[in-house]
Protein backbone atom coordinates (compact mmCIF):
# COMPACT_ATOMS: atom_id res chain seq x y z
CA MET A 1 1.70 45.83 13.94
CA PHE A 2 -0.38 46.57 11.57
CA SER A 3 0.45 49.12 8.70
CA LEU A 4 -2.07 50.25 6.14
CA GLU A 5 0.74 51.80 4.05
CA ARG A 6 3.34 48.78 4.23
CA TRP A 7 0.60 46.59 2.42
CA GLN A 8 0.06 49.34 0.15
CA GLU A 9 3.56 49.70 -1.34
CA ILE A 10 3.35 45.38 -0.86
CA PHE A 11 0.70 45.60 -3.65
CA GLU A 12 1.81 48.45 -5.63
CA THR A 13 5.31 46.74 -6.13
CA ILE A 14 3.07 43.73 -6.79
CA ARG A 15 1.49 45.37 -9.93
CA LYS A 16 4.49 46.74 -10.65
CA ASN A 17 5.32 43.57 -11.77
CA LYS A 18 2.79 41.35 -12.66
CA LEU A 19 4.75 38.74 -14.86
CA ARG A 20 7.70 38.60 -12.28
CA THR A 21 5.44 37.66 -9.34
CA PHE A 22 3.05 35.59 -11.29
CA LEU A 23 6.29 33.31 -12.03
CA THR A 24 7.61 33.53 -8.39
CA GLY A 25 4.33 32.50 -7.02
CA LEU A 26 4.37 29.69 -9.71
CA SER A 27 7.72 28.30 -9.26
CA VAL A 28 6.02 27.97 -5.34
CA ALA A 29 2.96 26.99 -5.69
CA SER A 30 4.14 23.99 -8.58
CA GLY A 31 6.64 23.05 -5.54
CA ILE A 32 3.93 22.21 -3.09
CA PHE A 33 1.71 20.74 -5.70
CA ILE A 34 4.27 18.21 -6.91
CA LEU A 35 5.44 17.35 -3.35
CA VAL A 36 1.77 17.10 -2.01
CA ILE A 37 0.75 15.33 -5.26
CA LEU A 38 4.10 12.69 -4.89
CA LEU A 39 3.14 12.05 -1.42
CA ALA A 40 -0.47 11.07 -1.95
CA ILE A 41 0.54 8.89 -4.62
CA GLY A 42 3.23 6.99 -2.68
CA GLN A 43 0.44 6.45 0.24
CA GLY A 44 -2.37 5.54 -2.56
CA MET A 45 0.53 2.59 -3.20
CA GLN A 46 1.00 1.55 0.16
CA ASN A 47 -3.05 1.51 0.36
CA GLY A 48 -2.79 -0.43 -2.66
CA ILE A 49 -0.07 -2.94 -1.44
CA ALA A 50 -2.28 -3.22 1.88
CA GLN A 51 -5.00 -4.64 0.17
CA GLU A 52 -3.60 -6.82 -1.63
CA PHE A 53 -2.58 -8.64 1.27
CA GLU A 54 -5.84 -8.20 2.98
CA GLU A 55 -7.36 -10.90 0.61
CA ASP A 56 -5.99 -13.57 2.82
CA ALA A 57 -4.69 -13.63 6.49
CA LYS A 58 -1.87 -10.87 6.58
CA ASN A 59 0.14 -13.69 8.21
CA ARG A 60 -0.50 -16.54 6.22
CA ILE A 61 2.09 -19.01 5.07
CA ASP A 62 1.48 -21.62 1.98
CA VAL A 63 3.79 -24.57 1.10
CA TRP A 64 3.60 -26.55 -2.26
CA THR A 65 6.03 -28.36 -4.01
CA GLY A 66 7.17 -29.28 -7.30
CA VAL A 67 10.03 -31.16 -9.37
CA THR A 68 13.81 -31.98 -7.34
CA SER A 69 16.41 -30.35 -9.56
CA GLU A 70 19.19 -32.03 -7.89
CA SER A 71 21.10 -35.19 -7.18
CA PHE A 72 20.57 -36.04 -3.82
CA LYS A 73 21.40 -39.72 -2.03
CA GLY A 74 21.71 -41.13 -5.04
CA LEU A 75 18.70 -40.39 -5.91
CA ASN A 76 18.07 -38.57 -9.69
CA PRO A 77 16.41 -34.81 -10.32
CA GLY A 78 12.97 -34.92 -11.68
CA ARG A 79 11.60 -36.59 -8.81
CA TYR A 80 7.98 -34.96 -7.87
CA ILE A 81 7.44 -34.20 -4.49
CA GLN A 82 4.03 -35.78 -3.36
CA LEU A 83 2.42 -33.76 0.50
CA THR A 84 0.66 -36.11 2.19
CA ASN A 85 -1.89 -36.38 5.48
CA GLN A 86 1.06 -37.25 6.94
CA ASP A 87 3.12 -33.72 6.39
CA TYR A 88 0.14 -32.03 7.54
CA ASP A 89 -0.04 -33.50 10.79
CA LEU A 90 3.30 -33.67 11.50
CA THR A 91 4.19 -30.27 11.10
CA THR A 92 0.82 -29.36 13.07
CA ALA A 93 1.81 -31.79 15.68
CA LYS A 94 5.13 -30.34 15.77
CA ASN A 95 4.30 -26.53 16.30
CA ILE A 96 0.66 -26.90 17.86
CA ASP A 97 1.51 -24.15 20.24
CA GLN A 98 2.53 -21.58 17.32
CA LEU A 99 -0.34 -22.12 15.46
CA GLU A 100 -3.34 -19.69 14.82
CA TYR A 101 -4.72 -21.70 11.61
CA LYS A 102 -4.07 -24.46 9.77
CA SER A 103 -5.72 -26.50 6.60
CA GLY A 104 -4.11 -29.08 4.31
CA VAL A 105 -5.63 -28.39 0.43
CA PHE A 106 -6.69 -30.68 -1.95
CA ARG A 107 -7.47 -28.68 -5.12
CA ARG A 108 -9.50 -29.27 -8.77
CA TRP A 109 -9.14 -26.61 -11.08
CA SER A 110 -11.77 -27.00 -12.63
CA GLY A 111 -15.01 -29.06 -11.53
CA LEU A 112 -18.38 -29.16 -13.95
CA THR A 113 -20.90 -28.00 -11.34
CA SER A 114 -24.60 -27.78 -12.09
CA TYR A 115 -28.37 -26.91 -10.49
CA LYS A 116 -31.45 -27.15 -12.36
CA ASN A 117 -30.60 -25.92 -15.71
CA GLU A 118 -27.71 -23.84 -14.75
CA THR A 119 -24.31 -24.81 -15.58
CA GLY A 120 -20.56 -23.76 -14.80
CA SER A 121 -16.75 -24.73 -14.66
CA TYR A 122 -15.68 -23.78 -11.06
CA ARG A 123 -12.27 -24.48 -8.94
CA ILE A 124 -12.83 -27.11 -6.33
CA GLU A 125 -11.26 -27.32 -2.99
CA GLY A 126 -11.01 -29.83 -0.38
CA ILE A 127 -10.49 -27.80 2.99
CA ARG A 128 -10.70 -28.34 6.37
CA GLY A 129 -12.33 -25.14 8.81
CA SER A 130 -9.94 -23.29 9.53
CA TYR A 131 -9.37 -22.39 5.86
CA GLN A 132 -12.23 -19.97 6.33
CA PHE A 133 -10.03 -17.56 8.12
CA LEU A 134 -6.78 -18.49 5.91
CA GLU A 135 -9.03 -16.92 3.45
CA ASN A 136 -9.78 -13.93 5.09
CA ALA A 137 -13.80 -15.09 3.76
CA SER A 138 -17.14 -14.11 5.12
CA LEU A 139 -20.10 -16.04 4.91
CA THR A 140 -23.31 -14.21 3.71
CA SER A 141 -25.13 -17.39 4.55
CA GLY A 142 -25.49 -20.57 6.16
CA ARG A 143 -21.83 -21.83 7.66
CA PHE A 144 -18.44 -23.11 7.03
CA ILE A 145 -17.06 -26.85 6.64
CA ASN A 146 -16.93 -28.07 10.02
CA GLN A 147 -15.37 -30.87 11.67
CA SER A 148 -18.46 -33.06 11.45
CA ASP A 149 -18.44 -33.02 7.69
CA LEU A 150 -14.68 -33.78 8.19
CA ASP A 151 -14.94 -37.04 9.95
CA ASN A 152 -18.12 -38.33 8.16
CA TYR A 153 -17.04 -37.82 4.56
CA GLU A 154 -19.98 -35.04 4.26
CA LYS A 155 -21.20 -34.20 0.63
CA ALA A 156 -21.28 -30.52 1.90
CA ALA A 157 -20.07 -27.70 -0.33
CA VAL A 158 -19.66 -24.13 0.36
CA ILE A 159 -19.60 -21.94 -2.46
CA GLY A 160 -18.41 -18.47 -3.50
CA TYR A 161 -20.85 -15.80 -4.01
CA ARG A 162 -19.85 -15.67 -7.94
CA VAL A 163 -21.17 -19.18 -8.18
CA TYR A 164 -24.08 -18.48 -6.33
CA LYS A 165 -24.80 -15.68 -8.76
CA ASP A 166 -24.42 -18.19 -11.77
CA LEU A 167 -26.09 -20.82 -10.26
CA PHE A 168 -28.45 -19.67 -8.13
CA ASP A 169 -29.49 -16.05 -9.13
CA GLY A 170 -30.69 -14.35 -6.24
CA LYS A 171 -32.84 -17.81 -5.05
CA GLU A 172 -32.17 -19.26 -1.45
CA ALA A 173 -29.03 -21.82 -1.98
CA VAL A 174 -28.53 -22.56 1.23
CA GLY A 175 -30.18 -26.62 1.55
CA GLU A 176 -30.31 -27.31 -1.94
CA TYR A 177 -28.27 -29.72 -3.81
CA ILE A 178 -25.85 -28.98 -6.77
CA GLU A 179 -24.00 -31.34 -8.88
CA ILE A 180 -20.09 -31.68 -9.27
CA ASN A 181 -18.53 -33.88 -11.81
CA SER A 182 -22.11 -35.75 -11.19
CA ILE A 183 -21.98 -35.88 -7.72
CA LYS A 184 -24.51 -34.45 -5.60
CA TYR A 185 -23.34 -31.87 -2.16
CA LYS A 186 -25.36 -30.04 0.01
CA VAL A 187 -24.93 -26.17 -0.14
CA VAL A 188 -24.57 -25.32 3.79
CA GLY A 189 -23.16 -21.70 3.29
CA VAL A 190 -22.12 -19.03 0.52
CA TYR A 191 -18.81 -16.95 1.28
CA THR A 192 -17.51 -13.50 -0.46
CA ASP A 193 -13.93 -12.82 -0.51
CA PRO A 194 -11.96 -9.72 -0.42
CA GLY A 195 -9.73 -10.85 -3.42
CA GLY A 196 -13.29 -10.27 -5.13
CA GLU A 197 -14.63 -12.48 -8.06
CA ARG A 198 -11.54 -14.34 -9.02
CA GLU A 199 -11.45 -15.24 -5.65
CA GLU A 200 -15.42 -16.10 -5.06
CA THR A 201 -15.38 -18.50 -8.59
CA ARG A 202 -14.31 -21.64 -5.95
CA ILE A 203 -15.97 -24.06 -4.47
CA PHE A 204 -14.91 -25.79 -0.98
CA ILE A 205 -15.66 -29.13 0.48
CA PRO A 206 -14.68 -31.02 3.37
CA ILE A 207 -10.86 -32.45 2.40
CA THR A 208 -11.84 -35.76 3.78
CA THR A 209 -14.87 -36.29 1.03
CA ALA A 210 -12.05 -34.65 -1.91
CA GLN A 211 -9.70 -36.89 -1.11
CA ARG A 212 -12.55 -39.74 -1.73
CA VAL A 213 -14.26 -39.06 -4.20
CA TYR A 214 -11.12 -37.91 -6.45
CA ASN A 215 -8.93 -41.05 -5.37
CA ALA A 216 -6.42 -39.06 -4.14
CA GLY A 217 -6.03 -41.12 -0.71
CA GLU A 218 -3.77 -39.36 1.36
CA ASN A 219 -2.11 -37.07 -1.07
CA ILE A 220 -2.82 -32.97 -0.70
CA ARG A 221 -1.62 -30.32 -2.91
CA LEU A 222 -0.79 -27.41 -0.04
CA MET A 223 -0.83 -26.89 3.49
CA SER A 224 -1.22 -23.26 4.67
CA PHE A 225 -1.22 -21.77 8.46
CA THR A 226 -0.81 -18.68 10.14
CA LEU A 227 1.02 -18.60 13.26
CA THR A 228 -0.19 -16.44 16.41
CA PRO A 229 0.80 -13.49 16.21
CA GLU A 230 3.44 -11.46 18.43
CA ALA A 231 3.63 -8.03 20.20
CA THR A 232 5.51 -6.62 16.93
CA PHE A 233 5.77 -7.04 13.62
CA GLU A 234 9.51 -7.63 13.51
CA GLU A 235 8.79 -10.74 16.47
CA SER A 236 5.97 -11.73 13.92
CA LEU A 237 8.00 -11.87 11.06
CA ALA A 238 11.79 -13.63 13.43
CA ALA A 239 8.88 -16.52 14.22
CA SER A 240 7.29 -16.92 10.62
CA GLU A 241 11.23 -17.18 9.59
CA LEU A 242 11.93 -19.41 11.93
CA PHE A 243 9.47 -21.38 11.62
CA THR A 244 9.23 -21.77 7.73
CA ALA A 245 13.31 -22.96 7.78
CA GLN A 246 12.72 -25.07 10.11
CA MET A 247 9.14 -26.68 7.84
CA GLU A 248 11.58 -26.55 4.83
CA SER A 249 14.03 -28.65 6.79
CA ASP A 250 11.53 -31.02 8.15
CA LEU A 251 9.95 -31.37 4.73
CA LYS A 252 13.09 -32.05 2.72
CA THR A 253 14.57 -34.24 5.30
CA LYS A 254 11.33 -36.77 4.95
CA HIS A 255 11.13 -36.24 1.47
CA ILE A 256 14.93 -36.94 0.83
CA VAL A 257 15.97 -33.54 -1.16
CA SER A 258 19.07 -31.73 -0.83
CA PRO A 259 19.32 -28.68 1.34
CA THR A 260 20.33 -26.54 -1.32
CA ASP A 261 17.14 -27.45 -4.07
CA THR A 262 15.00 -24.50 -4.04
CA SER A 263 12.29 -26.11 -6.41
CA ALA A 264 10.68 -29.13 -4.82
CA ILE A 265 9.73 -27.49 -1.71
CA GLU A 266 8.12 -24.04 -2.35
CA ILE A 267 6.98 -21.71 0.86
CA ASN A 268 4.91 -18.51 0.27
CA ASN A 269 5.49 -16.22 3.53
CA THR A 270 3.12 -12.78 3.25
CA LEU A 271 4.81 -11.23 6.11
CA GLU A 272 8.48 -11.76 4.21
CA ASN A 273 6.82 -10.60 1.00
CA ALA A 274 4.65 -7.40 3.36
CA LYS A 275 8.22 -6.39 4.57
CA ARG A 276 9.94 -6.45 1.19
CA PHE A 277 6.87 -4.34 -0.28
CA PHE A 278 6.68 -1.99 3.10
CA ASP A 279 10.40 -1.42 2.93
CA LEU A 280 10.17 -1.21 -0.94
CA MET A 281 7.74 1.74 -0.10
CA ASP A 282 9.72 3.47 2.48
CA MET A 283 12.52 3.71 -0.41
CA ILE A 284 9.63 5.43 -2.45
CA ARG A 285 8.59 7.78 -0.18
CA TRP A 286 11.75 8.75 0.83
CA PHE A 287 12.33 9.29 -2.74
CA PHE A 288 9.57 11.18 -3.62
CA TRP A 289 9.49 13.42 -0.51
CA GLY A 290 13.52 13.73 -2.17
CA VAL A 291 11.61 15.33 -5.42
CA GLY A 292 9.33 17.59 -3.69
CA ILE A 293 11.31 19.07 -1.58
CA CYS A 294 14.13 19.85 -4.47
CA THR A 295 11.60 21.50 -6.32
CA ILE A 296 10.38 24.00 -3.27
CA ILE A 297 14.23 24.66 -3.00
CA ALA A 298 14.01 25.33 -6.30
CA GLY A 299 11.22 27.95 -5.86
CA VAL A 300 12.54 29.68 -2.52
CA VAL A 301 16.08 30.05 -4.72
CA GLY A 302 13.52 31.66 -7.18
CA VAL A 303 12.02 33.68 -4.06
CA SER A 304 15.80 34.84 -2.82
CA ASN A 305 16.82 36.10 -6.19
CA ILE A 306 13.67 37.80 -7.13
CA MET A 307 14.39 39.82 -3.75
CA LEU A 308 17.46 40.54 -4.96
CA ILE A 309 15.98 42.13 -7.85
CA ILE A 310 13.79 43.94 -5.84
CA VAL A 311 16.20 45.21 -3.65
CA LYS A 312 18.64 46.50 -6.53
CA GLU A 313 15.59 48.32 -8.30
CA ARG A 314 14.64 50.12 -5.36
CA THR A 315 18.39 50.91 -3.68
CA LYS A 316 17.72 54.46 -4.60
CA GLU A 317 14.38 54.08 -2.87
CA ILE A 318 15.98 52.71 0.34
CA GLY A 319 19.09 55.26 0.46
CA ILE A 320 16.10 57.85 0.71
CA ARG A 321 14.46 56.08 3.26
CA LYS A 322 17.51 56.11 5.55
CA ALA A 323 17.96 59.13 5.00
CA ILE A 324 14.99 60.72 6.45
CA GLY A 325 15.38 58.03 9.30
CA ALA A 326 14.45 54.93 8.75
CA GLN A 327 15.70 51.93 11.12
CA PRO A 328 17.43 48.76 9.31
CA ILE A 329 14.75 46.69 10.91
CA SER A 330 11.99 48.91 9.15
CA ILE A 331 14.00 48.16 5.90
CA ILE A 332 14.52 44.55 6.67
CA GLY A 333 10.71 44.39 7.58
CA MET A 334 9.52 45.94 3.90
CA ILE A 335 11.48 43.35 1.92
CA LEU A 336 10.73 40.56 4.18
CA HIS A 337 7.13 40.97 4.08
CA GLU A 338 6.73 40.89 0.19
CA SER A 339 8.73 37.90 0.45
CA ILE A 340 6.25 36.12 3.14
CA PHE A 341 3.28 37.31 1.33
CA VAL A 342 4.28 36.01 -2.20
CA THR A 343 5.57 32.92 -0.54
CA ALA A 344 2.53 31.87 1.45
CA ILE A 345 -0.19 32.73 -1.09
CA ALA A 346 0.89 31.02 -3.39
CA GLY A 347 2.14 27.77 -1.51
CA PHE A 348 -1.48 27.80 -0.07
CA LEU A 349 -3.02 28.20 -3.59
CA GLY A 350 -0.70 25.37 -4.64
CA LEU A 351 -1.92 22.99 -1.58
CA PHE A 352 -5.55 23.51 -1.82
CA PHE A 353 -5.24 22.78 -5.84
CA SER A 354 -3.54 19.91 -5.10
CA LEU A 355 -5.83 18.96 -2.08
CA PHE A 356 -8.59 19.70 -5.04
CA VAL A 357 -7.04 17.34 -7.86
CA LEU A 358 -6.73 14.72 -5.38
CA GLU A 359 -10.43 15.12 -4.41
CA MET A 360 -11.67 14.82 -7.93
CA VAL A 361 -9.42 12.07 -9.16
CA GLY A 362 -8.41 9.99 -6.55
CA PRO A 363 -11.63 8.31 -5.68
CA LEU A 364 -11.76 7.56 -9.70
CA ILE A 365 -7.75 5.16 -9.18
CA GLU A 366 -8.56 2.16 -8.85
CA THR A 367 -5.71 -0.07 -9.79
CA ASP A 368 -3.79 -2.98 -8.67
CA TYR A 369 -1.51 -1.29 -6.34
CA ILE A 370 -2.34 2.24 -6.35
CA ARG A 371 -5.98 2.50 -4.14
CA ASN A 372 -7.54 6.05 -2.72
CA PRO A 373 -4.33 8.23 -3.23
CA SER A 374 -4.50 10.91 -0.02
CA VAL A 375 -2.12 12.68 2.00
CA ASP A 376 -2.83 13.64 5.39
CA PHE A 377 -3.72 17.66 5.67
CA GLY A 378 -1.80 18.17 8.78
CA VAL A 379 1.47 16.94 7.13
CA ALA A 380 0.87 19.09 3.83
CA ILE A 381 -0.26 22.05 5.98
CA THR A 382 3.25 21.93 8.10
CA THR A 383 4.41 21.72 4.80
CA VAL A 384 3.33 24.69 3.74
CA ILE A 385 3.84 26.67 6.99
CA ILE A 386 7.91 25.41 6.21
CA LEU A 387 7.70 26.49 2.93
CA VAL A 388 6.93 30.10 4.23
CA PHE A 389 9.61 29.92 7.29
CA ALA A 390 12.06 29.18 4.60
CA GLY A 391 10.72 32.30 2.19
CA ALA A 392 11.35 34.32 4.84
CA LEU A 393 14.98 32.67 5.19
CA ALA A 394 15.18 33.49 1.57
CA GLY A 395 13.93 37.14 2.01
CA PHE A 396 16.47 37.97 4.95
CA ILE A 397 19.57 37.70 3.14
CA PRO A 398 18.58 40.65 0.12
CA ALA A 399 16.88 42.59 3.33
CA TYR A 400 19.46 41.87 5.38
CA ARG A 401 21.72 43.67 2.61
CA ALA A 402 19.03 46.45 1.79
CA SER A 403 19.50 47.68 5.68
CA THR A 404 23.46 48.12 5.56
CA ILE A 405 22.97 50.09 2.09
CA LYS A 406 24.90 53.51 3.51
CA PRO A 407 22.30 56.30 2.10
CA ILE A 408 25.14 58.02 0.05
CA GLU A 409 25.77 54.90 -1.84
CA ALA A 410 22.72 54.04 -2.55
CA LEU A 411 21.58 57.75 -3.95
CA ARG A 412 24.55 57.20 -6.28
CA ASP A 413 22.97 53.94 -7.57
CA GLU A 414 22.49 53.91 -11.10
């Protein structure tokens, strides 16, 4: 039942002890503020990492080669292992039922490219049509490399949006001819990439054309695959790990590489990387929760200590109340009201201030691994409610102690 006199007492007590109340509330508010900010940073880190993985297909597997580091079957270390079309064809044929997208890649790190009076140097990649989905690229105009381009060794080019801006400056590019190392290619498409300008400074041409133009024969630099997704992340991860292990074994057998050689055949599995990052994020999130909760507990302990002080200061008053018939439940309610009021007001102030800071500063934070830090409002409100409940418990112990004081002992208190 609402009691105006009870609330007048609470406000009178707060008025008389402004500094003490302020410091108590500050400890509680800062606990909520720190917890919400830490949770938001944790979410921002998760968003940033997710954004990094969205630059390419989420379940992409890349295979490239290096130099052997171990002698094996009479062969000395230091041999460069060269991937070929045959490696790609054998891997594809053996795992055709598992594969979603696939492409071999022939790469030239720099190709002098010109259109009329505009010139630039860009990375040239010979690829197959599925590479669009491996790169998570989107077409802004035209089309991507297709099977006809591959079969007929067409001099077709799909240029990145950065290349398009450099060379065409907003003009229509599809159907125009560019020169790459003095060879003319017809622009058939323009693409954008979620990786940004770094990924958009590339030009894609058919891999068959690239191998012929650059006298590469059957050589390729990279093989890229994605597997058909399974029902759960764990199942997809297990399938990708099995696929990579088998492919590594097959390639090492074919190229006569020691099974323990870690530098000759290198594989990057984005699902494995994602699992490591998300496991790390879970650890960081639990750490943030622990720090925030410990801060809140410190605030609640402060509330309990203040309530003990208040009970000590009002011992005579409590004795008089009991002497004239006040029930223990009334004494407990009087102390609890103040404890809950201070905790609730401080908690919500800490919550609203932290949300305000996130609203103002959050959108400005755009680093590689922290993007749009935010916190679920439901989780934040639940945290404050739990805090209020904890504040009630913190106030109950001194309140119960006050209710058990005998009137005669209370009146004798100094």
